[in-house]
Amino acid sequence: MVIAMILAIDTWEDVRLFGYKEFFKEPLELFLIILSFIIIIILFMKKIIKD
């Protein structure tokens, strides 16, 4: 929930400061953040299962 709120604030600030052109770059950033988050979760789960 915290990550979603941070992304919402970041998106709002980008649109306000740079216009809607910057808004269309947000999905790429969001995808990379979610992908990184999933990879970290998988690595932690593997460590927990191993121990």
PDB file of N, CA and C in Angstrom:
ATOM      1  N   MET A   1       0.821  -1.186   0.000  1.00  0.00           N
ATOM      2  CA  MET A   1       0.000   0.000   0.000  1.00  0.00           C
ATOM      3  C   MET A   1       0.874   1.261   0.000  1.00  0.00           C
ATOM      4  N   VAL A   2       1.975   1.195   0.735  1.00  0.00           N
ATOM      5  CA  VAL A   2       2.888   2.340   0.795  1.00  0.00           C
ATOM      6  C   VAL A   2       3.511   2.589  -0.574  1.00  0.00           C
ATOM      7  N   ILE A   3       3.904   1.528  -1.243  1.00  0.00           N
ATOM      8  CA  ILE A   3       4.510   1.675  -2.569  1.00  0.00           C
ATOM      9  C   ILE A   3       3.507   2.281  -3.545  1.00  0.00           C
ATOM     10  N   ALA A   4       2.260   1.855  -3.474  1.00  0.00           N
ATOM     11  CA  ALA A   4       1.226   2.407  -4.357  1.00  0.00           C
ATOM     12  C   ALA A   4       1.038   3.897  -4.101  1.00  0.00           C
ATOM     13  N   MET A   5       1.070   4.295  -2.844  1.00  0.00           N
ATOM     14  CA  MET A   5       0.907   5.705  -2.502  1.00  0.00           C
ATOM     15  C   MET A   5       2.101   6.525  -3.000  1.00  0.00           C
ATOM     16  N   ILE A   6       3.294   5.998  -2.850  1.00  0.00           N
ATOM     17  CA  ILE A   6       4.489   6.691  -3.345  1.00  0.00           C
ATOM     18  C   ILE A   6       4.423   6.865  -4.860  1.00  0.00           C
ATOM     19  N   LEU A   7       4.005   5.815  -5.570  1.00  0.00           N
ATOM     20  CA  LEU A   7       3.891   5.902  -7.027  1.00  0.00           C
ATOM     21  C   LEU A   7       2.822   6.903  -7.445  1.00  0.00           C
ATOM     22  N   ALA A   8       1.713   6.948  -6.706  1.00  0.00           N
ATOM     23  CA  ALA A   8       0.651   7.906  -7.026  1.00  0.00           C
ATOM     24  C   ALA A   8       1.150   9.340  -6.846  1.00  0.00           C
ATOM     25  N   ILE A   9       1.855   9.604  -5.768  1.00  0.00           N
ATOM     26  CA  ILE A   9       2.392  10.943  -5.522  1.00  0.00           C
ATOM     27  C   ILE A   9       3.422  11.306  -6.583  1.00  0.00           C
ATOM     28  N   ASP A  10       4.280  10.369  -6.932  1.00  0.00           N
ATOM     29  CA  ASP A  10       5.296  10.611  -7.958  1.00  0.00           C
ATOM     30  C   ASP A  10       4.648  10.918  -9.305  1.00  0.00           C
ATOM     31  N   THR A  11       3.636  10.158  -9.664  1.00  0.00           N
ATOM     32  CA  THR A  11       2.934  10.382 -10.926  1.00  0.00           C
ATOM     33  C   THR A  11       2.267  11.749 -10.933  1.00  0.00           C
ATOM     34  N   TRP A  12       1.604  12.093  -9.853  1.00  0.00           N
ATOM     35  CA  TRP A  12       0.928  13.382  -9.761  1.00  0.00           C
ATOM     36  C   TRP A  12       1.926  14.531  -9.895  1.00  0.00           C
ATOM     37  N   GLU A  13       3.062  14.426  -9.230  1.00  0.00           N
ATOM     38  CA  GLU A  13       4.079  15.477  -9.315  1.00  0.00           C
ATOM     39  C   GLU A  13       4.651  15.594 -10.723  1.00  0.00           C
ATOM     40  N   ASP A  14       4.890  14.449 -11.379  1.00  0.00           N
ATOM     41  CA  ASP A  14       5.424  14.485 -12.744  1.00  0.00           C
ATOM     42  C   ASP A  14       4.450  15.167 -13.698  1.00  0.00           C
ATOM     43  N   VAL A  15       3.176  14.839 -13.585  1.00  0.00           N
ATOM     44  CA  VAL A  15       2.177  15.455 -14.458  1.00  0.00           C
ATOM     45  C   VAL A  15       2.079  16.948 -14.183  1.00  0.00           C
ATOM     46  N   ARG A  16       2.103  17.309 -12.919  1.00  0.00           N
ATOM     47  CA  ARG A  16       1.985  18.714 -12.551  1.00  0.00           C
ATOM     48  C   ARG A  16       3.192  19.523 -13.039  1.00  0.00           C
ATOM     49  N   LEU A  17       4.391  18.963 -12.913  1.00  0.00           N
ATOM     50  CA  LEU A  17       5.597  19.699 -13.268  1.00  0.00           C
ATOM     51  C   LEU A  17       5.947  19.634 -14.757  1.00  0.00           C
ATOM     52  N   PHE A  18       5.743  18.459 -15.363  1.00  0.00           N
ATOM     53  CA  PHE A  18       6.230  18.257 -16.730  1.00  0.00           C
ATOM     54  C   PHE A  18       5.128  18.044 -17.764  1.00  0.00           C
ATOM     55  N   GLY A  19       3.895  17.942 -17.343  1.00  0.00           N
ATOM     56  CA  GLY A  19       2.794  17.740 -18.280  1.00  0.00           C
ATOM     57  C   GLY A  19       2.525  16.261 -18.525  1.00  0.00           C
ATOM     58  N   TYR A  20       1.604  16.025 -19.432  1.00  0.00           N
ATOM     59  CA  TYR A  20       1.176  14.652 -19.684  1.00  0.00           C
ATOM     60  C   TYR A  20       2.180  13.832 -20.485  1.00  0.00           C
ATOM     61  N   LYS A  21       3.142  14.470 -21.117  1.00  0.00           N
ATOM     62  CA  LYS A  21       4.177  13.711 -21.838  1.00  0.00           C
ATOM     63  C   LYS A  21       4.954  12.823 -20.868  1.00  0.00           C
ATOM     64  N   GLU A  22       5.236  13.347 -19.711  1.00  0.00           N
ATOM     65  CA  GLU A  22       5.966  12.571 -18.697  1.00  0.00           C
ATOM     66  C   GLU A  22       5.093  11.457 -18.125  1.00  0.00           C
ATOM     67  N   PHE A  23       3.788  11.678 -18.135  1.00  0.00           N
ATOM     68  CA  PHE A  23       2.854  10.684 -17.589  1.00  0.00           C
ATOM     69  C   PHE A  23       2.935   9.368 -18.353  1.00  0.00           C
ATOM     70  N   PHE A  24       3.190   9.434 -19.647  1.00  0.00           N
ATOM     71  CA  PHE A  24       3.240   8.217 -20.448  1.00  0.00           C
ATOM     72  C   PHE A  24       4.504   7.401 -20.212  1.00  0.00           C
ATOM     73  N   LYS A  25       5.505   7.982 -19.558  1.00  0.00           N
ATOM     74  CA  LYS A  25       6.708   7.237 -19.198  1.00  0.00           C
ATOM     75  C   LYS A  25       6.506   6.461 -17.902  1.00  0.00           C
ATOM     76  N   GLU A  26       5.491   6.817 -17.146  1.00  0.00           N
ATOM     77  CA  GLU A  26       5.247   6.191 -15.848  1.00  0.00           C
ATOM     78  C   GLU A  26       4.980   4.684 -15.927  1.00  0.00           C
ATOM     79  N   PRO A  27       4.220   4.183 -16.903  1.00  0.00           N
ATOM     80  CA  PRO A  27       3.998   2.729 -16.947  1.00  0.00           C
ATOM     81  C   PRO A  27       5.299   1.925 -17.029  1.00  0.00           C
ATOM     82  N   LEU A  28       6.288   2.429 -17.755  1.00  0.00           N
ATOM     83  CA  LEU A  28       7.577   1.739 -17.833  1.00  0.00           C
ATOM     84  C   LEU A  28       8.250   1.717 -16.467  1.00  0.00           C
ATOM     85  N   GLU A  29       8.255   2.855 -15.787  1.00  0.00           N
ATOM     86  CA  GLU A  29       8.840   2.907 -14.448  1.00  0.00           C
ATOM     87  C   GLU A  29       8.089   1.985 -13.496  1.00  0.00           C
ATOM     88  N   LEU A  30       6.766   2.002 -13.575  1.00  0.00           N
ATOM     89  CA  LEU A  30       5.953   1.147 -12.714  1.00  0.00           C
ATOM     90  C   LEU A  30       6.250  -0.326 -12.959  1.00  0.00           C
ATOM     91  N   PHE A  31       6.366  -0.717 -14.224  1.00  0.00           N
ATOM     92  CA  PHE A  31       6.683  -2.101 -14.564  1.00  0.00           C
ATOM     93  C   PHE A  31       8.029  -2.515 -13.977  1.00  0.00           C
ATOM     94  N   LEU A  32       9.032  -1.663 -14.089  1.00  0.00           N
ATOM     95  CA  LEU A  32      10.359  -1.997 -13.573  1.00  0.00           C
ATOM     96  C   LEU A  32      10.357  -2.088 -12.044  1.00  0.00           C
ATOM     97  N   ILE A  33       9.625  -1.224 -11.389  1.00  0.00           N
ATOM     98  CA  ILE A  33       9.544  -1.271  -9.931  1.00  0.00           C
ATOM     99  C   ILE A  33       8.836  -2.541  -9.478  1.00  0.00           C
ATOM    100  N   ILE A  34       7.721  -2.888 -10.118  1.00  0.00           N
ATOM    101  CA  ILE A  34       6.988  -4.097  -9.753  1.00  0.00           C
ATOM    102  C   ILE A  34       7.832  -5.334 -10.018  1.00  0.00           C
ATOM    103  N   LEU A  35       8.529  -5.360 -11.139  1.00  0.00           N
ATOM    104  CA  LEU A  35       9.397  -6.493 -11.466  1.00  0.00           C
ATOM    105  C   LEU A  35      10.503  -6.653 -10.418  1.00  0.00           C
ATOM    106  N   SER A  36      11.115  -5.553 -10.023  1.00  0.00           N
ATOM    107  CA  SER A  36      12.155  -5.603  -8.990  1.00  0.00           C
ATOM    108  C   SER A  36      11.589  -6.102  -7.675  1.00  0.00           C
ATOM    109  N   PHE A  37      10.413  -5.615  -7.310  1.00  0.00           N
ATOM    110  CA  PHE A  37       9.755  -6.022  -6.068  1.00  0.00           C
ATOM    111  C   PHE A  37       9.455  -7.516  -6.075  1.00  0.00           C
ATOM    112  N   ILE A  38       8.968  -8.038  -7.194  1.00  0.00           N
ATOM    113  CA  ILE A  38       8.663  -9.470  -7.301  1.00  0.00           C
ATOM    114  C   ILE A  38       9.932 -10.292  -7.194  1.00  0.00           C
ATOM    115  N   ILE A  39      11.003  -9.856  -7.823  1.00  0.00           N
ATOM    116  CA  ILE A  39      12.272 -10.580  -7.745  1.00  0.00           C
ATOM    117  C   ILE A  39      12.779 -10.625  -6.311  1.00  0.00           C
ATOM    118  N   ILE A  40      12.685  -9.513  -5.601  1.00  0.00           N
ATOM    119  CA  ILE A  40      13.127  -9.476  -4.203  1.00  0.00           C
ATOM    120  C   ILE A  40      12.287 -10.428  -3.349  1.00  0.00           C
ATOM    121  N   ILE A  41      10.981 -10.442  -3.549  1.00  0.00           N
ATOM    122  CA  ILE A  41      10.109 -11.339  -2.795  1.00  0.00           C
ATOM    123  C   ILE A  41      10.467 -12.795  -3.071  1.00  0.00           C
ATOM    124  N   ILE A  42      10.701 -13.120  -4.328  1.00  0.00           N
ATOM    125  CA  ILE A  42      11.066 -14.502  -4.683  1.00  0.00           C
ATOM    126  C   ILE A  42      12.377 -14.896  -4.014  1.00  0.00           C
ATOM    127  N   LEU A  43      13.350 -14.015  -4.021  1.00  0.00           N
ATOM    128  CA  LEU A  43      14.634 -14.326  -3.389  1.00  0.00           C
ATOM    129  C   LEU A  43      14.482 -14.531  -1.889  1.00  0.00           C
ATOM    130  N   PHE A  44      13.680 -13.699  -1.225  1.00  0.00           N
ATOM    131  CA  PHE A  44      13.440 -13.876   0.204  1.00  0.00           C
ATOM    132  C   PHE A  44      12.699 -15.170   0.490  1.00  0.00           C
ATOM    133  N   MET A  45      11.726 -15.513  -0.348  1.00  0.00           N
ATOM    134  CA  MET A  45      10.962 -16.745  -0.144  1.00  0.00           C
ATOM    135  C   MET A  45      11.876 -17.968  -0.308  1.00  0.00           C
ATOM    136  N   LYS A  46      12.775 -17.928  -1.276  1.00  0.00           N
ATOM    137  CA  LYS A  46      13.709 -19.037  -1.448  1.00  0.00           C
ATOM    138  C   LYS A  46      14.602 -19.182  -0.219  1.00  0.00           C
ATOM    139  N   LYS A  47      15.046 -18.066   0.351  1.00  0.00           N
ATOM    140  CA  LYS A  47      15.882 -18.107   1.531  1.00  0.00           C
ATOM    141  C   LYS A  47      15.112 -18.671   2.724  1.00  0.00           C
ATOM    142  N   ILE A  48      13.868 -18.271   2.891  1.00  0.00           N
ATOM    143  CA  ILE A  48      13.048 -18.753   4.002  1.00  0.00           C
ATOM    144  C   ILE A  48      12.804 -20.247   3.873  1.00  0.00           C
ATOM    145  N   ILE A  49      12.497 -20.703   2.673  1.00  0.00           N
ATOM    146  CA  ILE A  49      12.238 -22.120   2.455  1.00  0.00           C
ATOM    147  C   ILE A  49      13.514 -22.937   2.671  1.00  0.00           C
ATOM    148  N   LYS A  50      14.656 -22.407   2.283  1.00  0.00           N
ATOM    149  CA  LYS A  50      15.928 -23.105   2.433  1.00  0.00           C
ATOM    150  C   LYS A  50      16.282 -23.291   3.910  1.00  0.00           C
ATOM    151  N   ASP A  51      16.007 -22.273   4.717  1.00  0.00           N
ATOM    152  CA  ASP A  51      16.375 -22.331   6.131  1.00  0.00           C
ATOM    153  C   ASP A  51      15.412 -23.179   6.845  1.00  0.00           C
TER     154      ASP A  51
END
